[in-house]
Amino acid sequence: MPRSFPDRIRSLPEYQGRFDAYQLSADDCEVLFASYPAGTSIPPHTHDTDNHGIITRGELILTMNGRTRRYRAGDWYHVPAHAEHAARFEVETDEIEFWFD
């Protein structure tokens, strides 16, 4: 599990999904503190949630609508519900994701 987050974040429940994250539940939203090892690749997929995220360390390479863009520490990104997208992480990366219902 991610070690770069503060102890208080690491005490949250672990997310039970395809990547390592700590999960904070809120009304109509899930908040994930996620970490990805260098070399992680997430194939094209969709989901029912409207996702916003901020990169806190490293870099996200996001492909959506035929366009690939790099997001670095401090950058926010948005993946609308039902939009097909894929992600790559060439370096160790941490982010905070907000998944809105």
PDB file of N, CA and C in Angstrom:
ATOM      1  N   MET A   1       0.847  -1.200   0.000  1.00  0.00           N
ATOM      2  CA  MET A   1       0.000   0.000   0.000  1.00  0.00           C
ATOM      3  C   MET A   1       0.876   1.241   0.000  1.00  0.00           C
ATOM      4  N   PRO A   2       0.311   2.356  -0.453  1.00  0.00           N
ATOM      5  CA  PRO A   2       1.067   3.606  -0.542  1.00  0.00           C
ATOM      6  C   PRO A   2       1.634   4.035   0.801  1.00  0.00           C
ATOM      7  N   ARG A   3       2.878   4.451   0.795  1.00  0.00           N
ATOM      8  CA  ARG A   3       3.522   4.896   2.028  1.00  0.00           C
ATOM      9  C   ARG A   3       3.751   6.401   2.052  1.00  0.00           C
ATOM     10  N   SER A   4       3.513   7.082   0.949  1.00  0.00           N
ATOM     11  CA  SER A   4       3.828   8.506   0.894  1.00  0.00           C
ATOM     12  C   SER A   4       2.732   9.384   1.487  1.00  0.00           C
ATOM     13  N   PHE A   5       1.578   8.801   1.842  1.00  0.00           N
ATOM     14  CA  PHE A   5       0.518   9.580   2.454  1.00  0.00           C
ATOM     15  C   PHE A   5       0.712   9.630   3.974  1.00  0.00           C
ATOM     16  N   PRO A   6       0.179  10.658   4.640  1.00  0.00           N
ATOM     17  CA  PRO A   6       0.305  10.761   6.102  1.00  0.00           C
ATOM     18  C   PRO A   6      -0.370   9.582   6.804  1.00  0.00           C
ATOM     19  N   ASP A   7       0.045   9.323   8.053  1.00  0.00           N
ATOM     20  CA  ASP A   7      -0.499   8.214   8.838  1.00  0.00           C
ATOM     21  C   ASP A   7      -2.027   8.263   8.905  1.00  0.00           C
ATOM     22  N   ARG A   8      -2.592   9.448   9.051  1.00  0.00           N
ATOM     23  CA  ARG A   8      -4.047   9.581   9.175  1.00  0.00           C
ATOM     24  C   ARG A   8      -4.752   9.059   7.914  1.00  0.00           C
ATOM     25  N   ILE A   9      -4.184   9.336   6.755  1.00  0.00           N
ATOM     26  CA  ILE A   9      -4.748   8.836   5.496  1.00  0.00           C
ATOM     27  C   ILE A   9      -4.554   7.323   5.419  1.00  0.00           C
ATOM     28  N   ARG A  10      -3.375   6.845   5.804  1.00  0.00           N
ATOM     29  CA  ARG A  10      -3.093   5.404   5.742  1.00  0.00           C
ATOM     30  C   ARG A  10      -3.941   4.600   6.728  1.00  0.00           C
ATOM     31  N   SER A  11      -4.604   5.269   7.676  1.00  0.00           N
ATOM     32  CA  SER A  11      -5.478   4.557   8.608  1.00  0.00           C
ATOM     33  C   SER A  11      -6.887   4.366   8.031  1.00  0.00           C
ATOM     34  N   LEU A  12      -7.172   4.952   6.866  1.00  0.00           N
ATOM     35  CA  LEU A  12      -8.477   4.776   6.224  1.00  0.00           C
ATOM     36  C   LEU A  12      -8.586   3.352   5.671  1.00  0.00           C
ATOM     37  N   PRO A  13      -9.810   2.894   5.397  1.00  0.00           N
ATOM     38  CA  PRO A  13      -9.973   1.551   4.819  1.00  0.00           C
ATOM     39  C   PRO A  13      -9.289   1.457   3.449  1.00  0.00           C
ATOM     40  N   GLU A  14      -8.776   0.260   3.142  1.00  0.00           N
ATOM     41  CA  GLU A  14      -8.166   0.041   1.841  1.00  0.00           C
ATOM     42  C   GLU A  14      -9.253  -0.111   0.788  1.00  0.00           C
ATOM     43  N   TYR A  15      -9.022   0.501  -0.371  1.00  0.00           N
ATOM     44  CA  TYR A  15      -9.917   0.364  -1.516  1.00  0.00           C
ATOM     45  C   TYR A  15      -9.801  -1.058  -2.052  1.00  0.00           C
ATOM     46  N   GLN A  16     -10.912  -1.687  -2.346  1.00  0.00           N
ATOM     47  CA  GLN A  16     -10.928  -3.055  -2.872  1.00  0.00           C
ATOM     48  C   GLN A  16     -11.156  -2.999  -4.379  1.00  0.00           C
ATOM     49  N   GLY A  17     -10.114  -2.678  -5.116  1.00  0.00           N
ATOM     50  CA  GLY A  17     -10.222  -2.551  -6.567  1.00  0.00           C
ATOM     51  C   GLY A  17      -8.931  -2.933  -7.237  1.00  0.00           C
ATOM     52  N   ARG A  18      -8.731  -2.461  -8.463  1.00  0.00           N
ATOM     53  CA  ARG A  18      -7.592  -2.910  -9.269  1.00  0.00           C
ATOM     54  C   ARG A  18      -6.328  -2.090  -9.072  1.00  0.00           C
ATOM     55  N   PHE A  19      -6.295  -1.202  -8.076  1.00  0.00           N
ATOM     56  CA  PHE A  19      -5.084  -0.463  -7.740  1.00  0.00           C
ATOM     57  C   PHE A  19      -5.062  -0.223  -6.245  1.00  0.00           C
ATOM     58  N   ASP A  20      -3.907   0.168  -5.715  1.00  0.00           N
ATOM     59  CA  ASP A  20      -3.761   0.417  -4.278  1.00  0.00           C
ATOM     60  C   ASP A  20      -4.243   1.820  -3.930  1.00  0.00           C
ATOM     61  N   ALA A  21      -5.132   1.908  -2.951  1.00  0.00           N
ATOM     62  CA  ALA A  21      -5.640   3.213  -2.523  1.00  0.00           C
ATOM     63  C   ALA A  21      -6.272   3.082  -1.146  1.00  0.00           C
ATOM     64  N   TYR A  22      -6.343   4.201  -0.442  1.00  0.00           N
ATOM     65  CA  TYR A  22      -7.111   4.318   0.791  1.00  0.00           C
ATOM     66  C   TYR A  22      -8.388   5.051   0.425  1.00  0.00           C
ATOM     67  N   GLN A  23      -9.506   4.650   1.033  1.00  0.00           N
ATOM     68  CA  GLN A  23     -10.804   5.157   0.618  1.00  0.00           C
ATOM     69  C   GLN A  23     -11.488   5.929   1.732  1.00  0.00           C
ATOM     70  N   LEU A  24     -11.980   7.115   1.383  1.00  0.00           N
ATOM     71  CA  LEU A  24     -12.759   7.948   2.289  1.00  0.00           C
ATOM     72  C   LEU A  24     -14.138   8.119   1.673  1.00  0.00           C
ATOM     73  N   SER A  25     -15.170   7.665   2.348  1.00  0.00           N
ATOM     74  CA  SER A  25     -16.523   7.766   1.817  1.00  0.00           C
ATOM     75  C   SER A  25     -17.155   9.092   2.214  1.00  0.00           C
ATOM     76  N   ALA A  26     -17.922   9.638   1.278  1.00  0.00           N
ATOM     77  CA  ALA A  26     -18.653  10.878   1.510  1.00  0.00           C
ATOM     78  C   ALA A  26     -19.994  10.748   0.796  1.00  0.00           C
ATOM     79  N   ASP A  27     -20.950  11.602   1.117  1.00  0.00           N
ATOM     80  CA  ASP A  27     -22.239  11.552   0.438  1.00  0.00           C
ATOM     81  C   ASP A  27     -22.048  11.797  -1.045  1.00  0.00           C
ATOM     82  N   ASP A  28     -22.539  10.868  -1.875  1.00  0.00           N
ATOM     83  CA  ASP A  28     -22.497  10.969  -3.342  1.00  0.00           C
ATOM     84  C   ASP A  28     -21.094  11.058  -3.914  1.00  0.00           C
ATOM     85  N   CYS A  29     -20.078  10.622  -3.163  1.00  0.00           N
ATOM     86  CA  CYS A  29     -18.700  10.707  -3.640  1.00  0.00           C
ATOM     87  C   CYS A  29     -17.825   9.706  -2.895  1.00  0.00           C
ATOM     88  N   GLU A  30     -16.880   9.119  -3.608  1.00  0.00           N
ATOM     89  CA  GLU A  30     -15.821   8.331  -2.991  1.00  0.00           C
ATOM     90  C   GLU A  30     -14.529   9.106  -3.197  1.00  0.00           C
ATOM     91  N   VAL A  31     -13.705   9.176  -2.174  1.00  0.00           N
ATOM     92  CA  VAL A  31     -12.416   9.848  -2.256  1.00  0.00           C
ATOM     93  C   VAL A  31     -11.341   8.783  -2.087  1.00  0.00           C
ATOM     94  N   LEU A  32     -10.435   8.687  -3.066  1.00  0.00           N
ATOM     95  CA  LEU A  32      -9.379   7.678  -3.038  1.00  0.00           C
ATOM     96  C   LEU A  32      -8.014   8.345  -3.023  1.00  0.00           C
ATOM     97  N   PHE A  33      -7.139   7.856  -2.173  1.00  0.00           N
ATOM     98  CA  PHE A  33      -5.747   8.287  -2.110  1.00  0.00           C
ATOM     99  C   PHE A  33      -4.956   7.136  -2.736  1.00  0.00           C
ATOM    100  N   ALA A  34      -4.609   7.280  -4.007  1.00  0.00           N
ATOM    101  CA  ALA A  34      -4.091   6.156  -4.785  1.00  0.00           C
ATOM    102  C   ALA A  34      -2.617   6.304  -5.112  1.00  0.00           C
ATOM    103  N   SER A  35      -1.950   5.151  -5.234  1.00  0.00           N
ATOM    104  CA  SER A  35      -0.542   5.093  -5.631  1.00  0.00           C
ATOM    105  C   SER A  35      -0.383   4.069  -6.739  1.00  0.00           C
ATOM    106  N   TYR A  36       0.464   4.388  -7.693  1.00  0.00           N
ATOM    107  CA  TYR A  36       0.712   3.510  -8.829  1.00  0.00           C
ATOM    108  C   TYR A  36       2.216   3.317  -8.982  1.00  0.00           C
ATOM    109  N   PRO A  37       2.696   2.071  -9.006  1.00  0.00           N
ATOM    110  CA  PRO A  37       4.113   1.831  -9.257  1.00  0.00           C
ATOM    111  C   PRO A  37       4.479   2.223 -10.683  1.00  0.00           C
ATOM    112  N   ALA A  38       5.735   2.574 -10.901  1.00  0.00           N
ATOM    113  CA  ALA A  38       6.225   2.854 -12.249  1.00  0.00           C
ATOM    114  C   ALA A  38       5.932   1.654 -13.133  1.00  0.00           C
ATOM    115  N   GLY A  39       5.480   1.912 -14.351  1.00  0.00           N
ATOM    116  CA  GLY A  39       5.180   0.846 -15.292  1.00  0.00           C
ATOM    117  C   GLY A  39       3.741   0.373 -15.266  1.00  0.00           C
ATOM    118  N   THR A  40       2.915   0.922 -14.378  1.00  0.00           N
ATOM    119  CA  THR A  40       1.504   0.535 -14.319  1.00  0.00           C
ATOM    120  C   THR A  40       0.780   1.028 -15.560  1.00  0.00           C
ATOM    121  N   SER A  41      -0.067   0.167 -16.116  1.00  0.00           N
ATOM    122  CA  SER A  41      -0.879   0.513 -17.276  1.00  0.00           C
ATOM    123  C   SER A  41      -2.306   0.044 -17.018  1.00  0.00           C
ATOM    124  N   ILE A  42      -3.267   0.920 -17.215  1.00  0.00           N
ATOM    125  CA  ILE A  42      -4.681   0.584 -17.044  1.00  0.00           C
ATOM    126  C   ILE A  42      -5.317   0.644 -18.427  1.00  0.00           C
ATOM    127  N   PRO A  43      -5.823  -0.490 -18.936  1.00  0.00           N
ATOM    128  CA  PRO A  43      -6.364  -0.526 -20.295  1.00  0.00           C
ATOM    129  C   PRO A  43      -7.638   0.306 -20.435  1.00  0.00           C
ATOM    130  N   PRO A  44      -8.056   0.567 -21.672  1.00  0.00           N
ATOM    131  CA  PRO A  44      -9.274   1.362 -21.897  1.00  0.00           C
ATOM    132  C   PRO A  44     -10.466   0.777 -21.143  1.00  0.00           C
ATOM    133  N   HIS A  45     -11.230   1.671 -20.517  1.00  0.00           N
ATOM    134  CA  HIS A  45     -12.401   1.267 -19.750  1.00  0.00           C
ATOM    135  C   HIS A  45     -13.313   2.472 -19.564  1.00  0.00           C
ATOM    136  N   THR A  46     -14.488   2.232 -19.044  1.00  0.00           N
ATOM    137  CA  THR A  46     -15.428   3.297 -18.680  1.00  0.00           C
ATOM    138  C   THR A  46     -15.940   3.016 -17.275  1.00  0.00           C
ATOM    139  N   HIS A  47     -16.585   4.004 -16.679  1.00  0.00           N
ATOM    140  CA  HIS A  47     -17.250   3.810 -15.394  1.00  0.00           C
ATOM    141  C   HIS A  47     -18.409   4.780 -15.285  1.00  0.00           C
ATOM    142  N   ASP A  48     -19.271   4.533 -14.327  1.00  0.00           N
ATOM    143  CA  ASP A  48     -20.484   5.341 -14.167  1.00  0.00           C
ATOM    144  C   ASP A  48     -20.267   6.621 -13.377  1.00  0.00           C
ATOM    145  N   THR A  49     -19.085   6.791 -12.801  1.00  0.00           N
ATOM    146  CA  THR A  49     -18.824   7.964 -11.973  1.00  0.00           C
ATOM    147  C   THR A  49     -18.157   9.078 -12.774  1.00  0.00           C
ATOM    148  N   ASP A  50     -18.348  10.314 -12.324  1.00  0.00           N
ATOM    149  CA  ASP A  50     -17.703  11.500 -12.878  1.00  0.00           C
ATOM    150  C   ASP A  50     -16.462  11.738 -12.023  1.00  0.00           C
ATOM    151  N   ASN A  51     -15.276  11.539 -12.590  1.00  0.00           N
ATOM    152  CA  ASN A  51     -14.047  11.547 -11.797  1.00  0.00           C
ATOM    153  C   ASN A  51     -13.230  12.815 -11.993  1.00  0.00           C
ATOM    154  N   HIS A  52     -12.766  13.355 -10.877  1.00  0.00           N
ATOM    155  CA  HIS A  52     -11.814  14.461 -10.863  1.00  0.00           C
ATOM    156  C   HIS A  52     -10.636  13.999 -10.018  1.00  0.00           C
ATOM    157  N   GLY A  53      -9.438  14.386 -10.386  1.00  0.00           N
ATOM    158  CA  GLY A  53      -8.283  13.976  -9.613  1.00  0.00           C
ATOM    159  C   GLY A  53      -7.183  15.015  -9.666  1.00  0.00           C
ATOM    160  N   ILE A  54      -6.296  14.944  -8.684  1.00  0.00           N
ATOM    161  CA  ILE A  54      -5.110  15.802  -8.655  1.00  0.00           C
ATOM    162  C   ILE A  54      -3.896  14.907  -8.427  1.00  0.00           C
ATOM    163  N   ILE A  55      -2.864  15.123  -9.220  1.00  0.00           N
ATOM    164  CA  ILE A  55      -1.622  14.381  -9.077  1.00  0.00           C
ATOM    165  C   ILE A  55      -0.810  15.040  -7.972  1.00  0.00           C
ATOM    166  N   THR A  56      -0.381  14.250  -6.994  1.00  0.00           N
ATOM    167  CA  THR A  56       0.399  14.805  -5.884  1.00  0.00           C
ATOM    168  C   THR A  56       1.880  14.459  -5.982  1.00  0.00           C
ATOM    169  N   ARG A  57       2.202  13.428  -6.776  1.00  0.00           N
ATOM    170  CA  ARG A  57       3.599  13.032  -6.996  1.00  0.00           C
ATOM    171  C   ARG A  57       3.637  12.212  -8.272  1.00  0.00           C
ATOM    172  N   GLY A  58       4.623  12.458  -9.109  1.00  0.00           N
ATOM    173  CA  GLY A  58       4.781  11.674 -10.322  1.00  0.00           C
ATOM    174  C   GLY A  58       4.018  12.245 -11.494  1.00  0.00           C
ATOM    175  N   GLU A  59       3.450  11.339 -12.328  1.00  0.00           N
ATOM    176  CA  GLU A  59       2.829  11.787 -13.575  1.00  0.00           C
ATOM    177  C   GLU A  59       1.828  10.747 -14.077  1.00  0.00           C
ATOM    178  N   LEU A  60       0.659  11.222 -14.478  1.00  0.00           N
ATOM    179  CA  LEU A  60      -0.376  10.423 -15.114  1.00  0.00           C
ATOM    180  C   LEU A  60      -0.349  10.710 -16.609  1.00  0.00           C
ATOM    181  N   ILE A  61      -0.351   9.658 -17.419  1.00  0.00           N
ATOM    182  CA  ILE A  61      -0.484   9.804 -18.868  1.00  0.00           C
ATOM    183  C   ILE A  61      -1.867   9.259 -19.197  1.00  0.00           C
ATOM    184  N   LEU A  62      -2.786  10.161 -19.523  1.00  0.00           N
ATOM    185  CA  LEU A  62      -4.198   9.831 -19.709  1.00  0.00           C
ATOM    186  C   LEU A  62      -4.564   9.941 -21.183  1.00  0.00           C
ATOM    187  N   THR A  63      -5.183   8.880 -21.717  1.00  0.00           N
ATOM    188  CA  THR A  63      -5.683   8.895 -23.091  1.00  0.00           C
ATOM    189  C   THR A  63      -7.202   8.838 -23.039  1.00  0.00           C
ATOM    190  N   MET A  64      -7.832   9.834 -23.691  1.00  0.00           N
ATOM    191  CA  MET A  64      -9.289   9.931 -23.706  1.00  0.00           C
ATOM    192  C   MET A  64      -9.687  10.668 -24.981  1.00  0.00           C
ATOM    193  N   ASN A  65     -10.718  10.191 -25.646  1.00  0.00           N
ATOM    194  CA  ASN A  65     -11.197  10.814 -26.884  1.00  0.00           C
ATOM    195  C   ASN A  65     -10.096  10.942 -27.928  1.00  0.00           C
ATOM    196  N   GLY A  66      -9.224   9.941 -28.007  1.00  0.00           N
ATOM    197  CA  GLY A  66      -8.165   9.943 -29.004  1.00  0.00           C
ATOM    198  C   GLY A  66      -7.015  10.891 -28.728  1.00  0.00           C
ATOM    199  N   ARG A  67      -6.999  11.500 -27.556  1.00  0.00           N
ATOM    200  CA  ARG A  67      -5.962  12.467 -27.192  1.00  0.00           C
ATOM    201  C   ARG A  67      -5.221  11.981 -25.946  1.00  0.00           C
ATOM    202  N   THR A  68      -3.897  12.074 -25.965  1.00  0.00           N
ATOM    203  CA  THR A  68      -3.087  11.693 -24.808  1.00  0.00           C
ATOM    204  C   THR A  68      -2.492  12.948 -24.199  1.00  0.00           C
ATOM    205  N   ARG A  69      -2.622  13.045 -22.874  1.00  0.00           N
ATOM    206  CA  ARG A  69      -2.117  14.226 -22.166  1.00  0.00           C
ATOM    207  C   ARG A  69      -1.409  13.777 -20.897  1.00  0.00           C
ATOM    208  N   ARG A  70      -0.346  14.498 -20.525  1.00  0.00           N
ATOM    209  CA  ARG A  70       0.409  14.224 -19.299  1.00  0.00           C
ATOM    210  C   ARG A  70      -0.030  15.200 -18.207  1.00  0.00           C
ATOM    211  N   TYR A  71      -0.262  14.647 -17.027  1.00  0.00           N
ATOM    212  CA  TYR A  71      -0.615  15.451 -15.850  1.00  0.00           C
ATOM    213  C   TYR A  71       0.465  15.214 -14.806  1.00  0.00           C
ATOM    214  N   ARG A  72       1.039  16.302 -14.325  1.00  0.00           N
ATOM    215  CA  ARG A  72       2.133  16.225 -13.348  1.00  0.00           C
ATOM    216  C   ARG A  72       1.656  16.734 -11.989  1.00  0.00           C
ATOM    217  N   ALA A  73       2.523  16.621 -10.989  1.00  0.00           N
ATOM    218  CA  ALA A  73       2.169  17.054  -9.630  1.00  0.00           C
ATOM    219  C   ALA A  73       1.568  18.451  -9.647  1.00  0.00           C
ATOM    220  N   GLY A  74       0.403  18.579  -9.022  1.00  0.00           N
ATOM    221  CA  GLY A  74      -0.311  19.848  -8.954  1.00  0.00           C
ATOM    222  C   GLY A  74      -1.363  20.005 -10.034  1.00  0.00           C
ATOM    223  N   ASP A  75      -1.366  19.129 -11.039  1.00  0.00           N
ATOM    224  CA  ASP A  75      -2.345  19.214 -12.125  1.00  0.00           C
ATOM    225  C   ASP A  75      -3.618  18.460 -11.770  1.00  0.00           C
ATOM    226  N   TRP A  76      -4.752  19.062 -12.091  1.00  0.00           N
ATOM    227  CA  TRP A  76      -6.059  18.426 -11.962  1.00  0.00           C
ATOM    228  C   TRP A  76      -6.455  17.834 -13.303  1.00  0.00           C
ATOM    229  N   TYR A  77      -7.192  16.735 -13.278  1.00  0.00           N
ATOM    230  CA  TYR A  77      -7.753  16.162 -14.495  1.00  0.00           C
ATOM    231  C   TYR A  77      -9.216  15.792 -14.244  1.00  0.00           C
ATOM    232  N   HIS A  78      -9.946  15.567 -15.339  1.00  0.00           N
ATOM    233  CA  HIS A  78     -11.362  15.208 -15.255  1.00  0.00           C
ATOM    234  C   HIS A  78     -11.660  14.123 -16.279  1.00  0.00           C
ATOM    235  N   VAL A  79     -12.345  13.063 -15.830  1.00  0.00           N
ATOM    236  CA  VAL A  79     -12.834  12.011 -16.711  1.00  0.00           C
ATOM    237  C   VAL A  79     -14.351  11.943 -16.509  1.00  0.00           C
ATOM    238  N   PRO A  80     -15.117  12.397 -17.507  1.00  0.00           N
ATOM    239  CA  PRO A  80     -16.576  12.354 -17.370  1.00  0.00           C
ATOM    240  C   PRO A  80     -17.095  10.921 -17.278  1.00  0.00           C
ATOM    241  N   ALA A  81     -18.239  10.750 -16.656  1.00  0.00           N
ATOM    242  CA  ALA A  81     -18.882   9.438 -16.588  1.00  0.00           C
ATOM    243  C   ALA A  81     -19.075   8.904 -17.996  1.00  0.00           C
ATOM    244  N   HIS A  82     -18.833   7.612 -18.164  1.00  0.00           N
ATOM    245  CA  HIS A  82     -19.034   6.864 -19.409  1.00  0.00           C
ATOM    246  C   HIS A  82     -18.024   7.192 -20.511  1.00  0.00           C
ATOM    247  N   ALA A  83     -17.037   8.029 -20.248  1.00  0.00           N
ATOM    248  CA  ALA A  83     -16.006   8.336 -21.248  1.00  0.00           C
ATOM    249  C   ALA A  83     -14.956   7.226 -21.239  1.00  0.00           C
ATOM    250  N   GLU A  84     -14.684   6.636 -22.391  1.00  0.00           N
ATOM    251  CA  GLU A  84     -13.643   5.619 -22.447  1.00  0.00           C
ATOM    252  C   GLU A  84     -12.285   6.293 -22.300  1.00  0.00           C
ATOM    253  N   HIS A  85     -11.446   5.708 -21.466  1.00  0.00           N
ATOM    254  CA  HIS A  85     -10.128   6.279 -21.199  1.00  0.00           C
ATOM    255  C   HIS A  85      -9.168   5.180 -20.756  1.00  0.00           C
ATOM    256  N   ALA A  86      -7.871   5.462 -20.873  1.00  0.00           N
ATOM    257  CA  ALA A  86      -6.808   4.556 -20.437  1.00  0.00           C
ATOM    258  C   ALA A  86      -5.753   5.394 -19.736  1.00  0.00           C
ATOM    259  N   ALA A  87      -4.962   4.758 -18.877  1.00  0.00           N
ATOM    260  CA  ALA A  87      -3.948   5.484 -18.111  1.00  0.00           C
ATOM    261  C   ALA A  87      -2.646   4.705 -18.083  1.00  0.00           C
ATOM    262  N   ARG A  88      -1.529   5.463 -18.027  1.00  0.00           N
ATOM    263  CA  ARG A  88      -0.200   4.882 -17.850  1.00  0.00           C
ATOM    264  C   ARG A  88       0.542   5.701 -16.808  1.00  0.00           C
ATOM    265  N   PHE A  89       1.447   5.022 -16.110  1.00  0.00           N
ATOM    266  CA  PHE A  89       2.280   5.663 -15.105  1.00  0.00           C
ATOM    267  C   PHE A  89       3.707   5.193 -15.336  1.00  0.00           C
ATOM    268  N   GLU A  90       4.532   6.034 -15.939  1.00  0.00           N
ATOM    269  CA  GLU A  90       5.923   5.660 -16.229  1.00  0.00           C
ATOM    270  C   GLU A  90       6.814   5.797 -14.997  1.00  0.00           C
ATOM    271  N   VAL A  91       6.393   6.621 -14.038  1.00  0.00           N
ATOM    272  CA  VAL A  91       7.119   6.817 -12.785  1.00  0.00           C
ATOM    273  C   VAL A  91       6.149   6.570 -11.631  1.00  0.00           C
ATOM    274  N   GLU A  92       6.685   6.299 -10.433  1.00  0.00           N
ATOM    275  CA  GLU A  92       5.810   6.136  -9.261  1.00  0.00           C
ATOM    276  C   GLU A  92       4.958   7.388  -9.115  1.00  0.00           C
ATOM    277  N   THR A  93       3.664   7.181  -8.927  1.00  0.00           N
ATOM    278  CA  THR A  93       2.725   8.305  -8.926  1.00  0.00           C
ATOM    279  C   THR A  93       1.713   8.153  -7.804  1.00  0.00           C
ATOM    280  N   ASP A  94       1.387   9.265  -7.153  1.00  0.00           N
ATOM    281  CA  ASP A  94       0.318   9.331  -6.159  1.00  0.00           C
ATOM    282  C   ASP A  94      -0.693  10.354  -6.631  1.00  0.00           C
ATOM    283  N   GLU A  95      -1.953  10.112  -6.281  1.00  0.00           N
ATOM    284  CA  GLU A  95      -2.999  11.061  -6.629  1.00  0.00           C
ATOM    285  C   GLU A  95      -4.146  10.957  -5.650  1.00  0.00           C
ATOM    286  N   ILE A  96      -4.969  11.974  -5.649  1.00  0.00           N
ATOM    287  CA  ILE A  96      -6.222  11.968  -4.897  1.00  0.00           C
ATOM    288  C   ILE A  96      -7.320  12.038  -5.942  1.00  0.00           C
ATOM    289  N   GLU A  97      -8.234  11.057  -5.884  1.00  0.00           N
ATOM    290  CA  GLU A  97      -9.319  10.966  -6.861  1.00  0.00           C
ATOM    291  C   GLU A  97     -10.664  11.160  -6.167  1.00  0.00           C
ATOM    292  N   PHE A  98     -11.547  11.867  -6.830  1.00  0.00           N
ATOM    293  CA  PHE A  98     -12.904  12.089  -6.350  1.00  0.00           C
ATOM    294  C   PHE A  98     -13.844  11.462  -7.373  1.00  0.00           C
ATOM    295  N   TRP A  99     -14.578  10.426  -6.941  1.00  0.00           N
ATOM    296  CA  TRP A  99     -15.508   9.724  -7.829  1.00  0.00           C
ATOM    297  C   TRP A  99     -16.922  10.116  -7.441  1.00  0.00           C
ATOM    298  N   PHE A 100     -17.541  10.985  -8.230  1.00  0.00           N
ATOM    299  CA  PHE A 100     -18.889  11.490  -7.946  1.00  0.00           C
ATOM    300  C   PHE A 100     -19.939  10.619  -8.601  1.00  0.00           C
ATOM    301  N   ASP A 101     -20.987  10.272  -7.838  1.00  0.00           N
ATOM    302  CA  ASP A 101     -22.108   9.482  -8.379  1.00  0.00           C
ATOM    303  C   ASP A 101     -22.879  10.298  -9.392  1.00  0.00           C
TER     304      ASP A 101
END
